[in-house]
Amino acid sequence: MLLIPCPWCGERDESEFSYGGTARSLPPLDADPAEWERVLYVHDNPKGWHDDLWFHGFGCQRWFALRRHTVTQEIGEPDAAADDGAP
């Protein structure tokens, strides 16, 4: 079980959250379909620190970025600035 620190609600059980994938910039809407395919379906499987997006569905209903170690599951500080209404 992970305890995820929501920037607005505090530390909560991972069952309250939905994983939103890698925190990264998205291409423009009119980008080449191959670029969108790469962004949406081709993923790295990093070992070490990774920037994730999380949605607090059973709480404040906000998106935020979080730094997580993929081996130890250690969690860094959340980034409330990532909340712009969508991942």
PDB file of N, CA and C in Angstrom:
ATOM      1  N   MET A   1       0.839  -1.173   0.000  1.00  0.00           N
ATOM      2  CA  MET A   1       0.000   0.000   0.000  1.00  0.00           C
ATOM      3  C   MET A   1       0.889   1.244   0.000  1.00  0.00           C
ATOM      4  N   LEU A   2       0.543   2.183  -0.876  1.00  0.00           N
ATOM      5  CA  LEU A   2       1.233   3.469  -0.914  1.00  0.00           C
ATOM      6  C   LEU A   2       0.403   4.514  -0.180  1.00  0.00           C
ATOM      7  N   LEU A   3       1.060   5.385   0.519  1.00  0.00           N
ATOM      8  CA  LEU A   3       0.407   6.563   1.075  1.00  0.00           C
ATOM      9  C   LEU A   3       0.843   7.738   0.210  1.00  0.00           C
ATOM     10  N   ILE A   4      -0.109   8.308  -0.504  1.00  0.00           N
ATOM     11  CA  ILE A   4       0.178   9.365  -1.465  1.00  0.00           C
ATOM     12  C   ILE A   4      -0.188  10.710  -0.851  1.00  0.00           C
ATOM     13  N   PRO A   5       0.753  11.663  -0.854  1.00  0.00           N
ATOM     14  CA  PRO A   5       0.472  12.982  -0.276  1.00  0.00           C
ATOM     15  C   PRO A   5      -0.225  13.894  -1.286  1.00  0.00           C
ATOM     16  N   CYS A   6      -1.522  14.084  -1.136  1.00  0.00           N
ATOM     17  CA  CYS A   6      -2.264  15.020  -1.976  1.00  0.00           C
ATOM     18  C   CYS A   6      -1.924  16.435  -1.517  1.00  0.00           C
ATOM     19  N   PRO A   7      -1.617  17.356  -2.435  1.00  0.00           N
ATOM     20  CA  PRO A   7      -1.270  18.723  -2.025  1.00  0.00           C
ATOM     21  C   PRO A   7      -2.403  19.441  -1.293  1.00  0.00           C
ATOM     22  N   TRP A   8      -3.651  19.015  -1.516  1.00  0.00           N
ATOM     23  CA  TRP A   8      -4.791  19.704  -0.918  1.00  0.00           C
ATOM     24  C   TRP A   8      -5.413  18.938   0.251  1.00  0.00           C
ATOM     25  N   CYS A   9      -5.379  17.610   0.200  1.00  0.00           N
ATOM     26  CA  CYS A   9      -6.067  16.796   1.214  1.00  0.00           C
ATOM     27  C   CYS A   9      -5.121  16.132   2.204  1.00  0.00           C
ATOM     28  N   GLY A  10      -3.828  16.166   1.939  1.00  0.00           N
ATOM     29  CA  GLY A  10      -2.870  15.499   2.807  1.00  0.00           C
ATOM     30  C   GLY A  10      -2.644  14.053   2.371  1.00  0.00           C
ATOM     31  N   GLU A  11      -1.977  13.306   3.218  1.00  0.00           N
ATOM     32  CA  GLU A  11      -1.602  11.930   2.908  1.00  0.00           C
ATOM     33  C   GLU A  11      -2.832  11.022   2.933  1.00  0.00           C
ATOM     34  N   ARG A  12      -3.024  10.252   1.846  1.00  0.00           N
ATOM     35  CA  ARG A  12      -4.170   9.358   1.716  1.00  0.00           C
ATOM     36  C   ARG A  12      -3.713   8.023   1.125  1.00  0.00           C
ATOM     37  N   ASP A  13      -4.548   6.997   1.296  1.00  0.00           N
ATOM     38  CA  ASP A  13      -4.286   5.669   0.749  1.00  0.00           C
ATOM     39  C   ASP A  13      -4.365   5.704  -0.774  1.00  0.00           C
ATOM     40  N   GLU A  14      -3.533   4.911  -1.432  1.00  0.00           N
ATOM     41  CA  GLU A  14      -3.486   4.901  -2.891  1.00  0.00           C
ATOM     42  C   GLU A  14      -4.815   4.513  -3.537  1.00  0.00           C
ATOM     43  N   SER A  15      -5.701   3.823  -2.800  1.00  0.00           N
ATOM     44  CA  SER A  15      -6.989   3.418  -3.369  1.00  0.00           C
ATOM     45  C   SER A  15      -7.886   4.618  -3.693  1.00  0.00           C
ATOM     46  N   GLU A  16      -7.572   5.800  -3.176  1.00  0.00           N
ATOM     47  CA  GLU A  16      -8.342   7.002  -3.462  1.00  0.00           C
ATOM     48  C   GLU A  16      -7.921   7.669  -4.767  1.00  0.00           C
ATOM     49  N   PHE A  17      -6.838   7.194  -5.384  1.00  0.00           N
ATOM     50  CA  PHE A  17      -6.237   7.858  -6.539  1.00  0.00           C
ATOM     51  C   PHE A  17      -6.293   6.989  -7.786  1.00  0.00           C
ATOM     52  N   SER A  18      -6.202   7.651  -8.928  1.00  0.00           N
ATOM     53  CA  SER A  18      -6.029   6.990 -10.217  1.00  0.00           C
ATOM     54  C   SER A  18      -4.713   7.461 -10.807  1.00  0.00           C
ATOM     55  N   TYR A  19      -3.948   6.507 -11.338  1.00  0.00           N
ATOM     56  CA  TYR A  19      -2.668   6.827 -11.957  1.00  0.00           C
ATOM     57  C   TYR A  19      -2.929   7.409 -13.339  1.00  0.00           C
ATOM     58  N   GLY A  20      -2.283   8.518 -13.653  1.00  0.00           N
ATOM     59  CA  GLY A  20      -2.509   9.186 -14.934  1.00  0.00           C
ATOM     60  C   GLY A  20      -1.361   9.087 -15.906  1.00  0.00           C
ATOM     61  N   GLY A  21      -0.356   8.295 -15.597  1.00  0.00           N
ATOM     62  CA  GLY A  21       0.770   8.139 -16.512  1.00  0.00           C
ATOM     63  C   GLY A  21       1.923   9.068 -16.178  1.00  0.00           C
ATOM     64  N   THR A  22       2.824   9.169 -17.129  1.00  0.00           N
ATOM     65  CA  THR A  22       4.021   9.981 -16.976  1.00  0.00           C
ATOM     66  C   THR A  22       3.677  11.461 -17.084  1.00  0.00           C
ATOM     67  N   ALA A  23       4.210  12.255 -16.181  1.00  0.00           N
ATOM     68  CA  ALA A  23       4.038  13.708 -16.256  1.00  0.00           C
ATOM     69  C   ALA A  23       4.969  14.229 -17.343  1.00  0.00           C
ATOM     70  N   ARG A  24       4.386  14.709 -18.425  1.00  0.00           N
ATOM     71  CA  ARG A  24       5.178  15.191 -19.559  1.00  0.00           C
ATOM     72  C   ARG A  24       4.352  16.176 -20.372  1.00  0.00           C
ATOM     73  N   SER A  25       5.021  16.898 -21.218  1.00  0.00           N
ATOM     74  CA  SER A  25       4.338  17.823 -22.122  1.00  0.00           C
ATOM     75  C   SER A  25       3.725  17.039 -23.276  1.00  0.00           C
ATOM     76  N   LEU A  26       2.559  17.477 -23.706  1.00  0.00           N
ATOM     77  CA  LEU A  26       1.887  16.830 -24.825  1.00  0.00           C
ATOM     78  C   LEU A  26       2.091  17.644 -26.093  1.00  0.00           C
ATOM     79  N   PRO A  27       2.073  16.978 -27.259  1.00  0.00           N
ATOM     80  CA  PRO A  27       2.218  17.722 -28.510  1.00  0.00           C
ATOM     81  C   PRO A  27       0.959  18.550 -28.791  1.00  0.00           C
ATOM     82  N   PRO A  28       1.035  19.497 -29.721  1.00  0.00           N
ATOM     83  CA  PRO A  28      -0.157  20.271 -30.069  1.00  0.00           C
ATOM     84  C   PRO A  28      -1.226  19.361 -30.679  1.00  0.00           C
ATOM     85  N   LEU A  29      -2.479  19.776 -30.596  1.00  0.00           N
ATOM     86  CA  LEU A  29      -3.577  18.945 -31.095  1.00  0.00           C
ATOM     87  C   LEU A  29      -3.455  18.630 -32.573  1.00  0.00           C
ATOM     88  N   ASP A  30      -2.839  19.506 -33.349  1.00  0.00           N
ATOM     89  CA  ASP A  30      -2.709  19.272 -34.785  1.00  0.00           C
ATOM     90  C   ASP A  30      -1.408  18.552 -35.156  1.00  0.00           C
ATOM     91  N   ALA A  31      -0.749  17.955 -34.187  1.00  0.00           N
ATOM     92  CA  ALA A  31       0.503  17.223 -34.439  1.00  0.00           C
ATOM     93  C   ALA A  31       0.224  15.980 -35.277  1.00  0.00           C
ATOM     94  N   ASP A  32       1.267  15.482 -35.889  1.00  0.00           N
ATOM     95  CA  ASP A  32       1.198  14.272 -36.704  1.00  0.00           C
ATOM     96  C   ASP A  32       0.634  13.109 -35.874  1.00  0.00           C
ATOM     97  N   PRO A  33      -0.288  12.300 -36.442  1.00  0.00           N
ATOM     98  CA  PRO A  33      -0.846  11.169 -35.697  1.00  0.00           C
ATOM     99  C   PRO A  33       0.215  10.210 -35.157  1.00  0.00           C
ATOM    100  N   ALA A  34       1.323  10.065 -35.863  1.00  0.00           N
ATOM    101  CA  ALA A  34       2.402   9.185 -35.390  1.00  0.00           C
ATOM    102  C   ALA A  34       3.004   9.724 -34.091  1.00  0.00           C
ATOM    103  N   GLU A  35       3.072  11.048 -33.970  1.00  0.00           N
ATOM    104  CA  GLU A  35       3.585  11.659 -32.743  1.00  0.00           C
ATOM    105  C   GLU A  35       2.633  11.381 -31.581  1.00  0.00           C
ATOM    106  N   TRP A  36       1.330  11.516 -31.810  1.00  0.00           N
ATOM    107  CA  TRP A  36       0.346  11.220 -30.772  1.00  0.00           C
ATOM    108  C   TRP A  36       0.373   9.741 -30.389  1.00  0.00           C
ATOM    109  N   GLU A  37       0.543   8.876 -31.366  1.00  0.00           N
ATOM    110  CA  GLU A  37       0.627   7.440 -31.087  1.00  0.00           C
ATOM    111  C   GLU A  37       1.818   7.153 -30.172  1.00  0.00           C
ATOM    112  N   ARG A  38       2.948   7.770 -30.467  1.00  0.00           N
ATOM    113  CA  ARG A  38       4.147   7.571 -29.645  1.00  0.00           C
ATOM    114  C   ARG A  38       3.909   8.063 -28.217  1.00  0.00           C
ATOM    115  N   VAL A  39       3.315   9.235 -28.066  1.00  0.00           N
ATOM    116  CA  VAL A  39       3.084   9.817 -26.742  1.00  0.00           C
ATOM    117  C   VAL A  39       2.083   8.991 -25.934  1.00  0.00           C
ATOM    118  N   LEU A  40       1.026   8.511 -26.585  1.00  0.00           N
ATOM    119  CA  LEU A  40      -0.041   7.812 -25.869  1.00  0.00           C
ATOM    120  C   LEU A  40       0.220   6.332 -25.619  1.00  0.00           C
ATOM    121  N   TYR A  41       0.976   5.674 -26.510  1.00  0.00           N
ATOM    122  CA  TYR A  41       1.084   4.218 -26.413  1.00  0.00           C
ATOM    123  C   TYR A  41       2.486   3.667 -26.217  1.00  0.00           C
ATOM    124  N   VAL A  42       3.526   4.447 -26.440  1.00  0.00           N
ATOM    125  CA  VAL A  42       4.895   3.975 -26.278  1.00  0.00           C
ATOM    126  C   VAL A  42       5.432   4.544 -24.966  1.00  0.00           C
ATOM    127  N   HIS A  43       5.678   3.668 -24.012  1.00  0.00           N
ATOM    128  CA  HIS A  43       6.086   4.112 -22.681  1.00  0.00           C
ATOM    129  C   HIS A  43       7.402   3.477 -22.266  1.00  0.00           C
ATOM    130  N   ASP A  44       8.185   4.256 -21.553  1.00  0.00           N
ATOM    131  CA  ASP A  44       9.397   3.724 -20.938  1.00  0.00           C
ATOM    132  C   ASP A  44       8.999   2.978 -19.675  1.00  0.00           C
ATOM    133  N   ASN A  45       9.863   2.113 -19.223  1.00  0.00           N
ATOM    134  CA  ASN A  45       9.677   1.438 -17.947  1.00  0.00           C
ATOM    135  C   ASN A  45      10.906   1.758 -17.099  1.00  0.00           C
ATOM    136  N   PRO A  46      10.950   2.986 -16.563  1.00  0.00           N
ATOM    137  CA  PRO A  46      12.173   3.438 -15.895  1.00  0.00           C
ATOM    138  C   PRO A  46      12.412   2.745 -14.565  1.00  0.00           C
ATOM    139  N   LYS A  47      13.664   2.629 -14.232  1.00  0.00           N
ATOM    140  CA  LYS A  47      14.068   2.120 -12.927  1.00  0.00           C
ATOM    141  C   LYS A  47      14.706   3.299 -12.202  1.00  0.00           C
ATOM    142  N   GLY A  48      14.070   3.714 -11.128  1.00  0.00           N
ATOM    143  CA  GLY A  48      14.561   4.886 -10.401  1.00  0.00           C
ATOM    144  C   GLY A  48      13.468   5.926 -10.275  1.00  0.00           C
ATOM    145  N   TRP A  49      13.867   7.190 -10.165  1.00  0.00           N
ATOM    146  CA  TRP A  49      12.907   8.272  -9.966  1.00  0.00           C
ATOM    147  C   TRP A  49      12.139   8.554 -11.245  1.00  0.00           C
ATOM    148  N   HIS A  50      10.844   8.792 -11.080  1.00  0.00           N
ATOM    149  CA  HIS A  50       9.934   8.965 -12.213  1.00  0.00           C
ATOM    150  C   HIS A  50       8.886   9.993 -11.834  1.00  0.00           C
ATOM    151  N   ASP A  51       8.517  10.866 -12.777  1.00  0.00           N
ATOM    152  CA  ASP A  51       7.473  11.865 -12.544  1.00  0.00           C
ATOM    153  C   ASP A  51       6.134  11.317 -13.021  1.00  0.00           C
ATOM    154  N   ASP A  52       5.186  11.193 -12.095  1.00  0.00           N
ATOM    155  CA  ASP A  52       3.862  10.632 -12.375  1.00  0.00           C
ATOM    156  C   ASP A  52       2.785  11.701 -12.277  1.00  0.00           C
ATOM    157  N   LEU A  53       1.656  11.437 -12.934  1.00  0.00           N
ATOM    158  CA  LEU A  53       0.438  12.218 -12.731  1.00  0.00           C
ATOM    159  C   LEU A  53      -0.541  11.359 -11.953  1.00  0.00           C
ATOM    160  N   TRP A  54      -1.217  11.960 -10.979  1.00  0.00           N
ATOM    161  CA  TRP A  54      -2.208  11.262 -10.169  1.00  0.00           C
ATOM    162  C   TRP A  54      -3.477  12.095 -10.090  1.00  0.00           C
ATOM    163  N   PHE A  55      -4.621  11.419 -10.051  1.00  0.00           N
ATOM    164  CA  PHE A  55      -5.916  12.082  -9.908  1.00  0.00           C
ATOM    165  C   PHE A  55      -6.545  11.623  -8.600  1.00  0.00           C
ATOM    166  N   HIS A  56      -6.907  12.568  -7.740  1.00  0.00           N
ATOM    167  CA  HIS A  56      -7.504  12.237  -6.450  1.00  0.00           C
ATOM    168  C   HIS A  56      -9.022  12.165  -6.618  1.00  0.00           C
ATOM    169  N   GLY A  57      -9.496  11.053  -7.146  1.00  0.00           N
ATOM    170  CA  GLY A  57     -10.908  10.861  -7.460  1.00  0.00           C
ATOM    171  C   GLY A  57     -11.815  10.751  -6.257  1.00  0.00           C
ATOM    172  N   PHE A  58     -11.330  10.210  -5.150  1.00  0.00           N
ATOM    173  CA  PHE A  58     -12.143  10.059  -3.951  1.00  0.00           C
ATOM    174  C   PHE A  58     -11.828  11.144  -2.929  1.00  0.00           C
ATOM    175  N   GLY A  59     -11.371  12.264  -3.434  1.00  0.00           N
ATOM    176  CA  GLY A  59     -11.034  13.387  -2.562  1.00  0.00           C
ATOM    177  C   GLY A  59     -11.363  14.684  -3.257  1.00  0.00           C
ATOM    178  N   CYS A  60     -10.350  15.491  -3.509  1.00  0.00           N
ATOM    179  CA  CYS A  60     -10.533  16.837  -4.056  1.00  0.00           C
ATOM    180  C   CYS A  60     -10.800  16.853  -5.561  1.00  0.00           C
ATOM    181  N   GLN A  61     -10.652  15.717  -6.234  1.00  0.00           N
ATOM    182  CA  GLN A  61     -10.879  15.576  -7.676  1.00  0.00           C
ATOM    183  C   GLN A  61      -9.947  16.477  -8.490  1.00  0.00           C
ATOM    184  N   ARG A  62      -8.694  16.514  -8.099  1.00  0.00           N
ATOM    185  CA  ARG A  62      -7.682  17.310  -8.802  1.00  0.00           C
ATOM    186  C   ARG A  62      -6.534  16.430  -9.271  1.00  0.00           C
ATOM    187  N   TRP A  63      -5.892  16.878 -10.352  1.00  0.00           N
ATOM    188  CA  TRP A  63      -4.686  16.249 -10.866  1.00  0.00           C
ATOM    189  C   TRP A  63      -3.470  16.914 -10.232  1.00  0.00           C
ATOM    190  N   PHE A  64      -2.419  16.128 -10.026  1.00  0.00           N
ATOM    191  CA  PHE A  64      -1.146  16.686  -9.565  1.00  0.00           C
ATOM    192  C   PHE A  64      -0.010  15.761  -9.981  1.00  0.00           C
ATOM    193  N   ALA A  65       1.180  16.347 -10.043  1.00  0.00           N
ATOM    194  CA  ALA A  65       2.387  15.583 -10.372  1.00  0.00           C
ATOM    195  C   ALA A  65       3.061  15.142  -9.084  1.00  0.00           C
ATOM    196  N   LEU A  66       3.704  13.988  -9.161  1.00  0.00           N
ATOM    197  CA  LEU A  66       4.352  13.418  -7.990  1.00  0.00           C
ATOM    198  C   LEU A  66       5.605  12.690  -8.448  1.00  0.00           C
ATOM    199  N   ARG A  67       6.680  12.826  -7.731  1.00  0.00           N
ATOM    200  CA  ARG A  67       7.931  12.113  -8.042  1.00  0.00           C
ATOM    201  C   ARG A  67       7.957  10.844  -7.208  1.00  0.00           C
ATOM    202  N   ARG A  68       8.152   9.686  -7.886  1.00  0.00           N
ATOM    203  CA  ARG A  68       8.100   8.383  -7.222  1.00  0.00           C
ATOM    204  C   ARG A  68       9.270   7.524  -7.694  1.00  0.00           C
ATOM    205  N   HIS A  69       9.869   6.791  -6.773  1.00  0.00           N
ATOM    206  CA  HIS A  69      10.950   5.857  -7.115  1.00  0.00           C
ATOM    207  C   HIS A  69      10.298   4.524  -7.465  1.00  0.00           C
ATOM    208  N   THR A  70      10.558   4.021  -8.663  1.00  0.00           N
ATOM    209  CA  THR A  70       9.856   2.828  -9.144  1.00  0.00           C
ATOM    210  C   THR A  70      10.331   1.526  -8.504  1.00  0.00           C
ATOM    211  N   VAL A  71      11.449   1.534  -7.824  1.00  0.00           N
ATOM    212  CA  VAL A  71      11.941   0.323  -7.176  1.00  0.00           C
ATOM    213  C   VAL A  71      11.543   0.302  -5.699  1.00  0.00           C
ATOM    214  N   THR A  72      11.817   1.394  -4.995  1.00  0.00           N
ATOM    215  CA  THR A  72      11.558   1.434  -3.552  1.00  0.00           C
ATOM    216  C   THR A  72      10.168   1.966  -3.207  1.00  0.00           C
ATOM    217  N   GLN A  73       9.472   2.551  -4.189  1.00  0.00           N
ATOM    218  CA  GLN A  73       8.164   3.196  -3.997  1.00  0.00           C
ATOM    219  C   GLN A  73       8.239   4.412  -3.080  1.00  0.00           C
ATOM    220  N   GLU A  74       9.444   4.916  -2.842  1.00  0.00           N
ATOM    221  CA  GLU A  74       9.592   6.152  -2.082  1.00  0.00           C
ATOM    222  C   GLU A  74       8.926   7.281  -2.868  1.00  0.00           C
ATOM    223  N   ILE A  75       8.266   8.195  -2.154  1.00  0.00           N
ATOM    224  CA  ILE A  75       7.518   9.264  -2.809  1.00  0.00           C
ATOM    225  C   ILE A  75       8.095  10.611  -2.411  1.00  0.00           C
ATOM    226  N   GLY A  76       8.297  11.468  -3.426  1.00  0.00           N
ATOM    227  CA  GLY A  76       8.769  12.824  -3.188  1.00  0.00           C
ATOM    228  C   GLY A  76       7.599  13.765  -2.965  1.00  0.00           C
ATOM    229  N   GLU A  77       7.882  15.031  -2.959  1.00  0.00           N
ATOM    230  CA  GLU A  77       6.851  16.041  -2.725  1.00  0.00           C
ATOM    231  C   GLU A  77       5.941  16.180  -3.950  1.00  0.00           C
ATOM    232  N   PRO A  78       4.639  16.346  -3.733  1.00  0.00           N
ATOM    233  CA  PRO A  78       3.724  16.556  -4.859  1.00  0.00           C
ATOM    234  C   PRO A  78       3.873  17.968  -5.425  1.00  0.00           C
ATOM    235  N   ASP A  79       3.491  18.132  -6.680  1.00  0.00           N
ATOM    236  CA  ASP A  79       3.565  19.414  -7.355  1.00  0.00           C
ATOM    237  C   ASP A  79       2.149  19.888  -7.665  1.00  0.00           C
ATOM    238  N   ALA A  80       1.625  20.759  -6.819  1.00  0.00           N
ATOM    239  CA  ALA A  80       0.260  21.256  -6.984  1.00  0.00           C
ATOM    240  C   ALA A  80       0.127  22.107  -8.229  1.00  0.00           C
ATOM    241  N   ALA A  81       1.219  22.648  -8.741  1.00  0.00           N
ATOM    242  CA  ALA A  81       1.156  23.504  -9.927  1.00  0.00           C
ATOM    243  C   ALA A  81       0.708  22.740 -11.165  1.00  0.00           C
ATOM    244  N   ALA A  82       0.764  21.422 -11.129  1.00  0.00           N
ATOM    245  CA  ALA A  82       0.363  20.627 -12.289  1.00  0.00           C
ATOM    246  C   ALA A  82      -1.146  20.613 -12.481  1.00  0.00           C
ATOM    247  N   ASP A  83      -1.909  21.091 -11.514  1.00  0.00           N
ATOM    248  CA  ASP A  83      -3.360  21.062 -11.590  1.00  0.00           C
ATOM    249  C   ASP A  83      -3.871  22.148 -12.520  1.00  0.00           C
ATOM    250  N   ASP A  84      -4.214  21.767 -13.740  1.00  0.00           N
ATOM    251  CA  ASP A  84      -4.820  22.716 -14.669  1.00  0.00           C
ATOM    252  C   ASP A  84      -6.137  22.167 -15.195  1.00  0.00           C
ATOM    253  N   GLY A  85      -6.703  21.215 -14.475  1.00  0.00           N
ATOM    254  CA  GLY A  85      -7.998  20.658 -14.853  1.00  0.00           C
ATOM    255  C   GLY A  85      -7.911  19.367 -15.610  1.00  0.00           C
ATOM    256  N   ALA A  86      -6.791  19.042 -16.189  1.00  0.00           N
ATOM    257  CA  ALA A  86      -6.642  17.808 -16.964  1.00  0.00           C
ATOM    258  C   ALA A  86      -5.192  17.376 -16.942  1.00  0.00           C
ATOM    259  N   PRO A  87      -4.958  16.073 -17.202  1.00  0.00           N
ATOM    260  CA  PRO A  87      -3.565  15.600 -17.236  1.00  0.00           C
ATOM    261  C   PRO A  87      -2.816  16.102 -18.430  1.00  0.00           C
TER     262      PRO A  87
END
